[in-house]
Amino acid sequence: MIKGAVKRMNNANEILGVRDGATAEEIKRAYKELVKKYHPDQYMNNPLSDLAEEKLKEVNQAYDYLLKRAEQKGSAGNSYSHSDNQNTGYSSYSQVRSNISTGNIDYAEQILNSISLRDAEWYYLKGMIFYRKGWYNEALTNFQQATNMNPSNMEYRDAVNKMNMGNRNYESRVYGRRDNNSGPDICSICQCLYCSDCCCECMGGDLISCC
């Protein structure tokens, strides 16, 4: 068991397809693409589903290892203690992402809430959880908080922009209707679905396969 784990970690860069010494952002981008590639929804009723599930576990292990190493290397020389580094929760974030992408929202939230240090990644994932629950205002608030804490992260900024775009388009159609008592028109429904698909893709899923 130990030898197998060591072998996987020695091949972690190869598994994730990143260079040795890759930054945390590079590791996250590679992880996102692989989660999308091996997502269970891609292999429903497929004889390769078991292989894809095993590959996803391998990807998660490599992600945990490489991200933790990158963050420890990045924090070298600062005053954080070992226990402080553990509380950042980076080793748990991949589990949160994986559970969100597979629809285990309650368990993802349980893991996320156990992390004491709430950094930009924490607020982004909290926003994704709120979004999956349909709490869009809370989702946008958390996406904005993540972006404020790390404005250079394109994933966070994209989430805010896509939600704002969806809200603007939805409001323009609602206020442009003559009959305010009527139900949502087909365009509004399509816009909401588009926004949902965009946010699903941020976590490696795909609500609308044709888009």
N, C-alpha and C. Protein backbone atom coordinates (compact mmCIF):
# COMPACT_ATOMS: atom_id res chain seq x y z
N MET A 1 0.84 -1.22 0.00
CA MET A 1 0.00 0.00 0.00
C MET A 1 0.86 1.25 0.00
N ILE A 2 1.90 1.28 0.88
CA ILE A 2 2.76 2.45 0.99
C ILE A 2 3.57 2.62 -0.30
N LYS A 3 4.10 1.49 -0.83
CA LYS A 3 4.88 1.58 -2.06
C LYS A 3 4.04 2.12 -3.21
N GLY A 4 2.77 1.68 -3.28
CA GLY A 4 1.89 2.16 -4.33
C GLY A 4 1.63 3.64 -4.21
N ALA A 5 1.45 4.12 -2.97
CA ALA A 5 1.21 5.55 -2.74
C ALA A 5 2.42 6.36 -3.13
N VAL A 6 3.63 5.86 -2.76
CA VAL A 6 4.86 6.58 -3.10
C VAL A 6 5.02 6.66 -4.61
N LYS A 7 4.73 5.56 -5.31
CA LYS A 7 4.84 5.55 -6.77
C LYS A 7 3.92 6.58 -7.40
N ARG A 8 2.66 6.65 -6.89
CA ARG A 8 1.71 7.62 -7.44
C ARG A 8 2.20 9.04 -7.23
N MET A 9 2.77 9.32 -6.04
CA MET A 9 3.22 10.67 -5.75
C MET A 9 4.46 11.02 -6.57
N ASN A 10 5.31 10.02 -6.84
CA ASN A 10 6.46 10.29 -7.70
C ASN A 10 6.02 10.63 -9.11
N ASN A 11 4.85 10.13 -9.52
CA ASN A 11 4.32 10.39 -10.86
C ASN A 11 3.26 11.49 -10.85
N ALA A 12 3.16 12.23 -9.76
CA ALA A 12 2.09 13.22 -9.62
C ALA A 12 2.11 14.25 -10.73
N ASN A 13 3.30 14.73 -11.08
CA ASN A 13 3.39 15.72 -12.16
C ASN A 13 2.92 15.14 -13.49
N GLU A 14 3.29 13.88 -13.72
CA GLU A 14 2.88 13.22 -14.96
C GLU A 14 1.36 13.00 -14.98
N ILE A 15 0.80 12.61 -13.84
CA ILE A 15 -0.64 12.36 -13.76
C ILE A 15 -1.42 13.63 -14.05
N LEU A 16 -0.98 14.75 -13.48
CA LEU A 16 -1.69 16.01 -13.68
C LEU A 16 -1.26 16.72 -14.96
N GLY A 17 -0.14 16.29 -15.54
CA GLY A 17 0.34 16.91 -16.78
C GLY A 17 0.92 18.29 -16.57
N VAL A 18 1.60 18.49 -15.45
CA VAL A 18 2.22 19.78 -15.16
C VAL A 18 3.73 19.59 -14.97
N ARG A 19 4.46 20.66 -15.14
CA ARG A 19 5.91 20.61 -14.99
C ARG A 19 6.28 20.50 -13.51
N ASP A 20 7.47 20.04 -13.24
CA ASP A 20 7.97 19.99 -11.88
C ASP A 20 8.16 21.43 -11.38
N GLY A 21 7.65 21.71 -10.21
CA GLY A 21 7.72 23.07 -9.68
C GLY A 21 6.60 23.97 -10.16
N ALA A 22 5.53 23.38 -10.69
CA ALA A 22 4.39 24.17 -11.18
C ALA A 22 3.78 24.99 -10.05
N THR A 23 3.24 26.15 -10.38
CA THR A 23 2.60 27.00 -9.38
C THR A 23 1.23 26.43 -8.99
N ALA A 24 0.69 26.96 -7.90
CA ALA A 24 -0.62 26.51 -7.44
C ALA A 24 -1.69 26.77 -8.50
N GLU A 25 -1.59 27.90 -9.20
CA GLU A 25 -2.57 28.22 -10.23
C GLU A 25 -2.49 27.26 -11.41
N GLU A 26 -1.27 26.88 -11.79
CA GLU A 26 -1.09 25.92 -12.88
C GLU A 26 -1.65 24.56 -12.51
N ILE A 27 -1.43 24.18 -11.26
CA ILE A 27 -1.94 22.89 -10.76
C ILE A 27 -3.46 22.90 -10.76
N LYS A 28 -4.07 23.99 -10.32
CA LYS A 28 -5.53 24.08 -10.27
C LYS A 28 -6.14 24.02 -11.66
N ARG A 29 -5.51 24.71 -12.61
CA ARG A 29 -6.03 24.69 -13.98
C ARG A 29 -5.98 23.28 -14.57
N ALA A 30 -4.85 22.60 -14.35
CA ALA A 30 -4.72 21.24 -14.87
C ALA A 30 -5.73 20.31 -14.21
N TYR A 31 -5.93 20.49 -12.92
CA TYR A 31 -6.88 19.65 -12.18
C TYR A 31 -8.29 19.85 -12.70
N LYS A 32 -8.65 21.09 -12.95
CA LYS A 32 -10.00 21.41 -13.44
C LYS A 32 -10.27 20.70 -14.77
N GLU A 33 -9.29 20.71 -15.66
CA GLU A 33 -9.46 20.08 -16.96
C GLU A 33 -9.61 18.57 -16.83
N LEU A 34 -8.84 17.97 -15.93
CA LEU A 34 -8.89 16.52 -15.78
C LEU A 34 -10.18 16.06 -15.09
N VAL A 35 -10.67 16.86 -14.14
CA VAL A 35 -11.94 16.53 -13.49
C VAL A 35 -13.06 16.56 -14.52
N LYS A 36 -13.01 17.54 -15.42
CA LYS A 36 -14.01 17.61 -16.48
C LYS A 36 -13.91 16.40 -17.41
N LYS A 37 -12.68 16.00 -17.69
CA LYS A 37 -12.46 14.87 -18.60
C LYS A 37 -12.96 13.56 -18.02
N TYR A 38 -12.72 13.35 -16.72
CA TYR A 38 -13.07 12.07 -16.10
C TYR A 38 -14.32 12.15 -15.23
N HIS A 39 -15.09 13.21 -15.41
CA HIS A 39 -16.30 13.39 -14.61
C HIS A 39 -17.25 12.21 -14.83
N PRO A 40 -17.87 11.70 -13.75
CA PRO A 40 -18.78 10.54 -13.88
C PRO A 40 -19.89 10.72 -14.91
N ASP A 41 -20.35 11.96 -15.08
CA ASP A 41 -21.43 12.20 -16.06
C ASP A 41 -20.99 11.87 -17.48
N GLN A 42 -19.68 11.90 -17.72
CA GLN A 42 -19.17 11.60 -19.07
C GLN A 42 -19.18 10.10 -19.36
N TYR A 43 -19.34 9.29 -18.32
CA TYR A 43 -19.21 7.84 -18.49
C TYR A 43 -20.43 7.07 -17.99
N MET A 44 -21.57 7.72 -18.00
CA MET A 44 -22.79 7.02 -17.60
C MET A 44 -23.11 5.92 -18.60
N ASN A 45 -23.40 4.72 -18.06
CA ASN A 45 -23.70 3.55 -18.91
C ASN A 45 -22.56 3.25 -19.88
N ASN A 46 -21.35 3.50 -19.44
CA ASN A 46 -20.17 3.29 -20.26
C ASN A 46 -19.29 2.23 -19.60
N PRO A 47 -18.80 1.24 -20.35
CA PRO A 47 -17.96 0.20 -19.75
C PRO A 47 -16.66 0.73 -19.16
N LEU A 48 -16.30 1.97 -19.51
CA LEU A 48 -15.07 2.56 -18.99
C LEU A 48 -15.31 3.37 -17.71
N SER A 49 -16.52 3.31 -17.16
CA SER A 49 -16.85 4.13 -15.99
C SER A 49 -15.97 3.81 -14.79
N ASP A 50 -15.70 2.51 -14.56
CA ASP A 50 -14.85 2.13 -13.43
C ASP A 50 -13.43 2.64 -13.60
N LEU A 51 -12.93 2.56 -14.83
CA LEU A 51 -11.59 3.05 -15.11
C LEU A 51 -11.51 4.57 -14.92
N ALA A 52 -12.55 5.26 -15.36
CA ALA A 52 -12.58 6.72 -15.20
C ALA A 52 -12.64 7.10 -13.72
N GLU A 53 -13.40 6.35 -12.95
CA GLU A 53 -13.50 6.62 -11.51
C GLU A 53 -12.15 6.42 -10.82
N GLU A 54 -11.45 5.36 -11.21
CA GLU A 54 -10.13 5.10 -10.64
C GLU A 54 -9.14 6.20 -11.05
N LYS A 55 -9.26 6.64 -12.31
CA LYS A 55 -8.38 7.70 -12.80
C LYS A 55 -8.64 9.01 -12.05
N LEU A 56 -9.92 9.28 -11.75
CA LEU A 56 -10.26 10.50 -11.03
C LEU A 56 -9.70 10.47 -9.61
N LYS A 57 -9.72 9.31 -8.98
CA LYS A 57 -9.13 9.18 -7.65
C LYS A 57 -7.63 9.45 -7.71
N GLU A 58 -7.00 8.94 -8.73
CA GLU A 58 -5.57 9.16 -8.92
C GLU A 58 -5.26 10.64 -9.13
N VAL A 59 -6.11 11.29 -9.92
CA VAL A 59 -5.95 12.73 -10.17
C VAL A 59 -6.11 13.52 -8.86
N ASN A 60 -7.10 13.14 -8.04
CA ASN A 60 -7.32 13.83 -6.77
C ASN A 60 -6.12 13.68 -5.84
N GLN A 61 -5.54 12.48 -5.80
CA GLN A 61 -4.38 12.25 -4.95
C GLN A 61 -3.19 13.09 -5.42
N ALA A 62 -2.98 13.12 -6.73
CA ALA A 62 -1.88 13.91 -7.28
C ALA A 62 -2.11 15.40 -7.02
N TYR A 63 -3.35 15.84 -7.16
CA TYR A 63 -3.68 17.25 -6.92
C TYR A 63 -3.41 17.63 -5.48
N ASP A 64 -3.88 16.80 -4.55
CA ASP A 64 -3.64 17.08 -3.12
C ASP A 64 -2.15 17.21 -2.83
N TYR A 65 -1.39 16.28 -3.36
CA TYR A 65 0.05 16.24 -3.09
C TYR A 65 0.76 17.46 -3.68
N LEU A 66 0.50 17.74 -4.96
CA LEU A 66 1.21 18.83 -5.64
C LEU A 66 0.80 20.20 -5.12
N LEU A 67 -0.50 20.37 -4.84
CA LEU A 67 -0.96 21.68 -4.36
C LEU A 67 -0.41 21.96 -2.97
N LYS A 68 -0.42 20.95 -2.12
CA LYS A 68 0.12 21.14 -0.78
C LYS A 68 1.61 21.48 -0.84
N ARG A 69 2.32 20.79 -1.71
CA ARG A 69 3.76 21.05 -1.86
C ARG A 69 4.01 22.45 -2.40
N ALA A 70 3.19 22.87 -3.38
CA ALA A 70 3.36 24.20 -3.97
C ALA A 70 3.08 25.29 -2.95
N GLU A 71 2.04 25.09 -2.14
CA GLU A 71 1.70 26.09 -1.13
C GLU A 71 2.76 26.16 -0.03
N GLN A 72 3.30 25.01 0.36
CA GLN A 72 4.35 25.00 1.38
C GLN A 72 5.60 25.68 0.85
N LYS A 73 5.91 25.45 -0.42
CA LYS A 73 7.07 26.09 -1.02
C LYS A 73 6.86 27.60 -1.13
N GLY A 74 5.62 27.99 -1.45
CA GLY A 74 5.31 29.41 -1.58
C GLY A 74 5.34 30.14 -0.26
N SER A 75 5.06 29.41 0.83
CA SER A 75 5.03 30.05 2.15
C SER A 75 6.35 29.89 2.89
N ALA A 76 7.37 29.31 2.24
CA ALA A 76 8.67 29.13 2.87
C ALA A 76 9.26 30.49 3.24
N GLY A 77 9.74 30.59 4.46
CA GLY A 77 10.34 31.83 4.90
C GLY A 77 9.40 32.75 5.64
N ASN A 78 8.07 32.44 5.63
CA ASN A 78 7.18 33.28 6.41
C ASN A 78 7.04 32.71 7.80
N SER A 79 6.20 33.31 8.62
CA SER A 79 6.13 32.96 10.03
C SER A 79 5.05 31.95 10.34
N TYR A 80 4.43 31.33 9.33
CA TYR A 80 3.39 30.35 9.59
C TYR A 80 3.99 29.11 10.23
N SER A 81 3.29 28.55 11.16
CA SER A 81 3.70 27.29 11.76
C SER A 81 3.15 26.14 10.94
N HIS A 82 3.58 24.92 11.27
CA HIS A 82 3.09 23.75 10.55
C HIS A 82 1.59 23.60 10.73
N SER A 83 1.09 23.86 11.94
CA SER A 83 -0.34 23.73 12.18
C SER A 83 -1.12 24.78 11.43
N ASP A 84 -0.52 25.98 11.26
CA ASP A 84 -1.19 27.02 10.48
C ASP A 84 -1.35 26.59 9.04
N ASN A 85 -0.31 25.94 8.49
CA ASN A 85 -0.39 25.47 7.11
C ASN A 85 -1.45 24.42 6.95
N GLN A 86 -1.61 23.57 7.95
CA GLN A 86 -2.64 22.55 7.87
C GLN A 86 -4.02 23.17 7.86
N ASN A 87 -4.18 24.28 8.59
CA ASN A 87 -5.49 24.92 8.69
C ASN A 87 -5.89 25.67 7.43
N THR A 88 -4.96 25.84 6.48
CA THR A 88 -5.36 26.52 5.25
C THR A 88 -6.34 25.68 4.46
N GLY A 89 -6.31 24.37 4.65
CA GLY A 89 -7.32 23.51 4.04
C GLY A 89 -7.07 23.15 2.60
N TYR A 90 -5.87 23.41 2.07
CA TYR A 90 -5.64 23.12 0.66
C TYR A 90 -5.78 21.64 0.35
N SER A 91 -5.40 20.78 1.31
CA SER A 91 -5.51 19.35 1.07
C SER A 91 -6.97 18.90 1.01
N SER A 92 -7.89 19.74 1.51
CA SER A 92 -9.31 19.39 1.51
C SER A 92 -10.07 20.03 0.36
N TYR A 93 -9.51 21.07 -0.24
CA TYR A 93 -10.24 21.78 -1.29
C TYR A 93 -10.55 20.88 -2.49
N SER A 94 -9.62 19.99 -2.83
CA SER A 94 -9.89 19.10 -3.96
C SER A 94 -11.06 18.18 -3.66
N GLN A 95 -11.18 17.78 -2.39
CA GLN A 95 -12.32 16.94 -2.00
C GLN A 95 -13.62 17.72 -2.13
N VAL A 96 -13.59 19.00 -1.74
CA VAL A 96 -14.78 19.84 -1.86
C VAL A 96 -15.16 19.98 -3.33
N ARG A 97 -14.20 20.27 -4.19
CA ARG A 97 -14.47 20.42 -5.62
C ARG A 97 -15.03 19.13 -6.21
N SER A 98 -14.41 18.01 -5.84
CA SER A 98 -14.84 16.73 -6.38
C SER A 98 -16.28 16.42 -5.97
N ASN A 99 -16.62 16.70 -4.71
CA ASN A 99 -17.98 16.42 -4.24
C ASN A 99 -19.00 17.38 -4.85
N ILE A 100 -18.61 18.63 -5.09
CA ILE A 100 -19.51 19.55 -5.76
C ILE A 100 -19.79 19.06 -7.18
N SER A 101 -18.73 18.63 -7.86
CA SER A 101 -18.89 18.21 -9.26
C SER A 101 -19.73 16.96 -9.40
N THR A 102 -19.76 16.12 -8.35
CA THR A 102 -20.56 14.89 -8.40
C THR A 102 -21.91 15.06 -7.72
N GLY A 103 -22.22 16.29 -7.26
CA GLY A 103 -23.54 16.56 -6.70
C GLY A 103 -23.68 16.29 -5.21
N ASN A 104 -22.58 15.97 -4.53
CA ASN A 104 -22.64 15.74 -3.08
C ASN A 104 -22.47 17.07 -2.34
N ILE A 105 -23.46 17.92 -2.48
CA ILE A 105 -23.33 19.30 -2.01
C ILE A 105 -23.24 19.38 -0.49
N ASP A 106 -24.08 18.63 0.22
CA ASP A 106 -24.07 18.69 1.68
C ASP A 106 -22.73 18.24 2.24
N TYR A 107 -22.17 17.18 1.67
CA TYR A 107 -20.88 16.69 2.16
C TYR A 107 -19.77 17.68 1.82
N ALA A 108 -19.85 18.27 0.63
CA ALA A 108 -18.86 19.28 0.23
C ALA A 108 -18.89 20.46 1.21
N GLU A 109 -20.09 20.88 1.59
CA GLU A 109 -20.21 21.99 2.53
C GLU A 109 -19.69 21.62 3.91
N GLN A 110 -19.91 20.38 4.30
CA GLN A 110 -19.43 19.91 5.59
C GLN A 110 -17.90 19.97 5.65
N ILE A 111 -17.25 19.52 4.57
CA ILE A 111 -15.79 19.58 4.52
C ILE A 111 -15.30 21.03 4.53
N LEU A 112 -15.96 21.86 3.73
CA LEU A 112 -15.54 23.26 3.62
C LEU A 112 -15.68 23.99 4.95
N ASN A 113 -16.77 23.74 5.66
CA ASN A 113 -16.99 24.43 6.93
C ASN A 113 -16.01 24.00 8.02
N SER A 114 -15.36 22.85 7.81
CA SER A 114 -14.38 22.38 8.80
C SER A 114 -13.03 23.07 8.65
N ILE A 115 -12.85 23.82 7.57
CA ILE A 115 -11.59 24.54 7.33
C ILE A 115 -11.63 25.87 8.07
N SER A 116 -10.65 26.08 8.93
CA SER A 116 -10.70 27.26 9.80
C SER A 116 -10.28 28.55 9.10
N LEU A 117 -9.24 28.47 8.27
CA LEU A 117 -8.76 29.67 7.59
C LEU A 117 -9.55 29.89 6.30
N ARG A 118 -10.23 31.01 6.21
CA ARG A 118 -11.10 31.25 5.07
C ARG A 118 -10.45 32.22 4.09
N ASP A 119 -9.80 31.64 3.11
CA ASP A 119 -9.10 32.42 2.10
C ASP A 119 -9.97 32.56 0.86
N ALA A 120 -9.38 33.05 -0.23
CA ALA A 120 -10.14 33.29 -1.45
C ALA A 120 -10.75 32.01 -2.00
N GLU A 121 -9.99 30.91 -1.98
CA GLU A 121 -10.50 29.64 -2.49
C GLU A 121 -11.70 29.17 -1.67
N TRP A 122 -11.64 29.39 -0.37
CA TRP A 122 -12.76 29.00 0.50
C TRP A 122 -14.03 29.72 0.07
N TYR A 123 -13.95 31.03 -0.14
CA TYR A 123 -15.14 31.79 -0.51
C TYR A 123 -15.63 31.41 -1.91
N TYR A 124 -14.71 31.10 -2.82
CA TYR A 124 -15.14 30.68 -4.15
C TYR A 124 -15.93 29.38 -4.07
N LEU A 125 -15.42 28.41 -3.33
CA LEU A 125 -16.11 27.12 -3.21
C LEU A 125 -17.43 27.27 -2.45
N LYS A 126 -17.47 28.18 -1.48
CA LYS A 126 -18.73 28.44 -0.79
C LYS A 126 -19.74 29.01 -1.77
N GLY A 127 -19.27 29.88 -2.67
CA GLY A 127 -20.15 30.42 -3.69
C GLY A 127 -20.69 29.34 -4.60
N MET A 128 -19.84 28.37 -4.97
CA MET A 128 -20.29 27.27 -5.82
C MET A 128 -21.35 26.43 -5.11
N ILE A 129 -21.16 26.22 -3.82
CA ILE A 129 -22.15 25.45 -3.04
C ILE A 129 -23.48 26.18 -3.01
N PHE A 130 -23.44 27.48 -2.73
CA PHE A 130 -24.67 28.27 -2.73
C PHE A 130 -25.33 28.24 -4.11
N TYR A 131 -24.51 28.32 -5.15
CA TYR A 131 -25.07 28.32 -6.51
C TYR A 131 -25.79 27.01 -6.79
N ARG A 132 -25.17 25.89 -6.42
CA ARG A 132 -25.79 24.59 -6.65
C ARG A 132 -27.09 24.44 -5.84
N LYS A 133 -27.18 25.17 -4.72
CA LYS A 133 -28.40 25.14 -3.91
C LYS A 133 -29.48 26.07 -4.46
N GLY A 134 -29.09 26.92 -5.40
CA GLY A 134 -30.04 27.88 -5.96
C GLY A 134 -30.09 29.19 -5.20
N TRP A 135 -29.13 29.42 -4.32
CA TRP A 135 -29.08 30.67 -3.55
C TRP A 135 -28.14 31.63 -4.28
N TYR A 136 -28.65 32.27 -5.31
CA TYR A 136 -27.81 33.01 -6.24
C TYR A 136 -27.22 34.29 -5.65
N ASN A 137 -27.97 34.99 -4.81
CA ASN A 137 -27.43 36.20 -4.20
C ASN A 137 -26.25 35.88 -3.29
N GLU A 138 -26.40 34.81 -2.49
CA GLU A 138 -25.32 34.39 -1.60
C GLU A 138 -24.12 33.91 -2.41
N ALA A 139 -24.40 33.22 -3.52
CA ALA A 139 -23.33 32.73 -4.38
C ALA A 139 -22.52 33.90 -4.94
N LEU A 140 -23.22 34.92 -5.45
CA LEU A 140 -22.53 36.07 -6.03
C LEU A 140 -21.71 36.81 -4.97
N THR A 141 -22.26 36.94 -3.76
CA THR A 141 -21.54 37.61 -2.67
C THR A 141 -20.22 36.90 -2.37
N ASN A 142 -20.25 35.58 -2.34
CA ASN A 142 -19.03 34.82 -2.05
C ASN A 142 -18.05 34.85 -3.21
N PHE A 143 -18.56 34.80 -4.44
CA PHE A 143 -17.67 34.93 -5.61
C PHE A 143 -16.96 36.29 -5.58
N GLN A 144 -17.70 37.34 -5.23
CA GLN A 144 -17.11 38.68 -5.17
C GLN A 144 -16.06 38.76 -4.07
N GLN A 145 -16.33 38.12 -2.93
CA GLN A 145 -15.36 38.12 -1.84
C GLN A 145 -14.08 37.42 -2.26
N ALA A 146 -14.22 36.29 -2.96
CA ALA A 146 -13.04 35.56 -3.44
C ALA A 146 -12.23 36.42 -4.41
N THR A 147 -12.93 37.12 -5.30
CA THR A 147 -12.26 37.98 -6.28
C THR A 147 -11.57 39.15 -5.61
N ASN A 148 -12.20 39.72 -4.59
CA ASN A 148 -11.58 40.83 -3.86
C ASN A 148 -10.30 40.40 -3.15
N MET A 149 -10.30 39.17 -2.66
CA MET A 149 -9.13 38.66 -1.93
C MET A 149 -8.02 38.23 -2.88
N ASN A 150 -8.39 37.79 -4.10
CA ASN A 150 -7.39 37.37 -5.08
C ASN A 150 -7.84 37.82 -6.47
N PRO A 151 -7.70 39.11 -6.76
CA PRO A 151 -8.23 39.66 -8.03
C PRO A 151 -7.53 39.12 -9.27
N SER A 152 -6.37 38.50 -9.13
CA SER A 152 -5.66 37.98 -10.30
C SER A 152 -6.16 36.61 -10.73
N ASN A 153 -7.02 35.99 -9.95
CA ASN A 153 -7.51 34.65 -10.27
C ASN A 153 -8.65 34.74 -11.27
N MET A 154 -8.41 34.25 -12.48
CA MET A 154 -9.40 34.36 -13.55
C MET A 154 -10.63 33.49 -13.29
N GLU A 155 -10.46 32.38 -12.60
CA GLU A 155 -11.60 31.51 -12.31
C GLU A 155 -12.62 32.23 -11.43
N TYR A 156 -12.13 32.96 -10.43
CA TYR A 156 -13.03 33.70 -9.54
C TYR A 156 -13.71 34.84 -10.31
N ARG A 157 -12.92 35.57 -11.10
CA ARG A 157 -13.46 36.70 -11.84
C ARG A 157 -14.49 36.26 -12.87
N ASP A 158 -14.22 35.12 -13.52
CA ASP A 158 -15.17 34.60 -14.50
C ASP A 158 -16.51 34.26 -13.85
N ALA A 159 -16.46 33.69 -12.65
CA ALA A 159 -17.69 33.33 -11.95
C ALA A 159 -18.53 34.58 -11.66
N VAL A 160 -17.86 35.66 -11.21
CA VAL A 160 -18.57 36.91 -10.94
C VAL A 160 -19.14 37.50 -12.23
N ASN A 161 -18.32 37.54 -13.28
CA ASN A 161 -18.76 38.13 -14.55
C ASN A 161 -19.94 37.37 -15.15
N LYS A 162 -19.89 36.05 -15.10
CA LYS A 162 -20.96 35.25 -15.68
C LYS A 162 -22.27 35.41 -14.91
N MET A 163 -22.16 35.50 -13.59
CA MET A 163 -23.37 35.70 -12.80
C MET A 163 -23.95 37.09 -13.02
N ASN A 164 -23.07 38.10 -13.07
CA ASN A 164 -23.55 39.46 -13.32
C ASN A 164 -24.19 39.57 -14.70
N MET A 165 -23.59 38.91 -15.68
CA MET A 165 -24.15 38.93 -17.04
C MET A 165 -25.52 38.27 -17.06
N GLY A 166 -25.63 37.14 -16.37
CA GLY A 166 -26.91 36.45 -16.31
C GLY A 166 -27.97 37.28 -15.62
N ASN A 167 -27.57 37.96 -14.52
CA ASN A 167 -28.53 38.79 -13.79
C ASN A 167 -28.99 39.98 -14.63
N ARG A 168 -28.04 40.61 -15.35
CA ARG A 168 -28.41 41.77 -16.16
C ARG A 168 -29.37 41.38 -17.28
N ASN A 169 -29.07 40.28 -17.94
CA ASN A 169 -29.93 39.84 -19.03
C ASN A 169 -31.31 39.43 -18.53
N TYR A 170 -31.32 38.77 -17.37
CA TYR A 170 -32.60 38.33 -16.81
C TYR A 170 -33.45 39.54 -16.41
N GLU A 171 -32.81 40.53 -15.73
CA GLU A 171 -33.55 41.72 -15.29
C GLU A 171 -34.07 42.51 -16.48
N SER A 172 -33.27 42.63 -17.54
CA SER A 172 -33.72 43.40 -18.69
C SER A 172 -34.93 42.77 -19.34
N ARG A 173 -34.99 41.45 -19.32
CA ARG A 173 -36.14 40.77 -19.92
C ARG A 173 -37.36 40.84 -19.01
N VAL A 174 -37.12 40.76 -17.70
CA VAL A 174 -38.25 40.83 -16.76
C VAL A 174 -38.89 42.20 -16.78
N TYR A 175 -38.05 43.25 -16.68
CA TYR A 175 -38.59 44.60 -16.66
C TYR A 175 -39.09 45.05 -18.02
N GLY A 176 -38.67 44.36 -19.09
CA GLY A 176 -39.13 44.72 -20.42
C GLY A 176 -40.46 44.09 -20.79
N ARG A 177 -40.95 43.16 -19.97
CA ARG A 177 -42.22 42.53 -20.29
C ARG A 177 -43.38 43.46 -19.96
N ARG A 178 -44.39 43.45 -20.75
CA ARG A 178 -45.56 44.30 -20.50
C ARG A 178 -46.40 43.74 -19.37
N ASP A 179 -46.52 42.45 -19.32
CA ASP A 179 -47.35 41.82 -18.29
C ASP A 179 -46.45 41.29 -17.20
N ASN A 180 -46.34 42.04 -16.09
CA ASN A 180 -45.46 41.65 -15.01
C ASN A 180 -45.99 40.45 -14.24
N ASN A 181 -47.23 40.08 -14.43
CA ASN A 181 -47.81 38.96 -13.71
C ASN A 181 -47.63 37.64 -14.44
N SER A 182 -47.14 37.69 -15.67
CA SER A 182 -46.99 36.46 -16.43
C SER A 182 -45.72 35.74 -16.00
N GLY A 183 -45.63 34.46 -16.31
CA GLY A 183 -44.47 33.66 -15.94
C GLY A 183 -43.29 33.99 -16.82
N PRO A 184 -42.11 33.43 -16.51
CA PRO A 184 -40.91 33.71 -17.31
C PRO A 184 -41.07 33.22 -18.74
N ASP A 185 -40.58 34.03 -19.70
CA ASP A 185 -40.66 33.61 -21.08
C ASP A 185 -39.52 32.66 -21.42
N ILE A 186 -39.56 32.11 -22.62
CA ILE A 186 -38.58 31.10 -23.01
C ILE A 186 -37.18 31.67 -23.05
N CYS A 187 -37.03 32.93 -23.38
CA CYS A 187 -35.70 33.55 -23.44
C CYS A 187 -35.07 33.64 -22.05
N SER A 188 -35.92 34.00 -21.05
CA SER A 188 -35.42 34.08 -19.68
C SER A 188 -34.97 32.72 -19.18
N ILE A 189 -35.75 31.71 -19.53
CA ILE A 189 -35.40 30.35 -19.11
C ILE A 189 -34.08 29.94 -19.74
N CYS A 190 -33.90 30.21 -21.03
CA CYS A 190 -32.67 29.86 -21.72
C CYS A 190 -31.48 30.58 -21.10
N GLN A 191 -31.69 31.86 -20.72
CA GLN A 191 -30.61 32.63 -20.12
C GLN A 191 -30.18 32.02 -18.79
N CYS A 192 -31.15 31.62 -18.00
CA CYS A 192 -30.84 31.00 -16.70
C CYS A 192 -30.09 29.69 -16.90
N LEU A 193 -30.52 28.92 -17.89
CA LEU A 193 -29.83 27.66 -18.17
C LEU A 193 -28.40 27.91 -18.62
N TYR A 194 -28.21 28.94 -19.43
CA TYR A 194 -26.87 29.27 -19.91
C TYR A 194 -25.96 29.64 -18.76
N CYS A 195 -26.47 30.46 -17.83
CA CYS A 195 -25.70 30.87 -16.66
C CYS A 195 -25.35 29.66 -15.81
N SER A 196 -26.33 28.75 -15.64
CA SER A 196 -26.10 27.54 -14.85
C SER A 196 -25.02 26.69 -15.49
N ASP A 197 -25.06 26.58 -16.82
CA ASP A 197 -24.08 25.76 -17.52
C ASP A 197 -22.68 26.34 -17.36
N CYS A 198 -22.57 27.66 -17.40
CA CYS A 198 -21.27 28.30 -17.26
C CYS A 198 -20.66 28.00 -15.90
N CYS A 199 -21.49 28.09 -14.84
CA CYS A 199 -20.97 27.83 -13.51
C CYS A 199 -20.67 26.36 -13.30
N CYS A 200 -21.44 25.49 -13.92
CA CYS A 200 -21.15 24.05 -13.84
C CYS A 200 -19.79 23.76 -14.47
N GLU A 201 -19.50 24.42 -15.59
CA GLU A 201 -18.24 24.19 -16.27
C GLU A 201 -17.07 24.65 -15.43
N CYS A 202 -17.29 25.65 -14.55
CA CYS A 202 -16.22 26.11 -13.67
C CYS A 202 -15.76 25.00 -12.73
N MET A 203 -16.66 24.04 -12.44
CA MET A 203 -16.33 22.95 -11.52
C MET A 203 -16.07 21.65 -12.26
N GLY A 204 -15.96 21.71 -13.58
CA GLY A 204 -15.64 20.51 -14.33
C GLY A 204 -16.85 19.76 -14.83
N GLY A 205 -18.05 20.24 -14.56
CA GLY A 205 -19.26 19.57 -15.02
C GLY A 205 -19.74 20.16 -16.33
N ASP A 206 -20.88 19.72 -16.79
CA ASP A 206 -21.45 20.22 -18.04
C ASP A 206 -22.95 20.01 -18.01
N LEU A 207 -23.69 21.10 -17.68
CA LEU A 207 -25.14 20.99 -17.59
C LEU A 207 -25.76 20.82 -18.96
N ILE A 208 -25.23 21.56 -19.95
CA ILE A 208 -25.76 21.50 -21.32
C ILE A 208 -24.64 21.05 -22.22
N SER A 209 -24.67 19.83 -22.67
CA SER A 209 -23.53 19.25 -23.38
C SER A 209 -23.24 19.90 -24.72
N CYS A 210 -24.27 20.52 -25.31
CA CYS A 210 -24.08 21.10 -26.65
C CYS A 210 -23.42 22.46 -26.59
N CYS A 211 -23.29 23.07 -25.41
CA CYS A 211 -22.73 24.42 -25.30
C CYS A 211 -21.29 24.35 -24.82
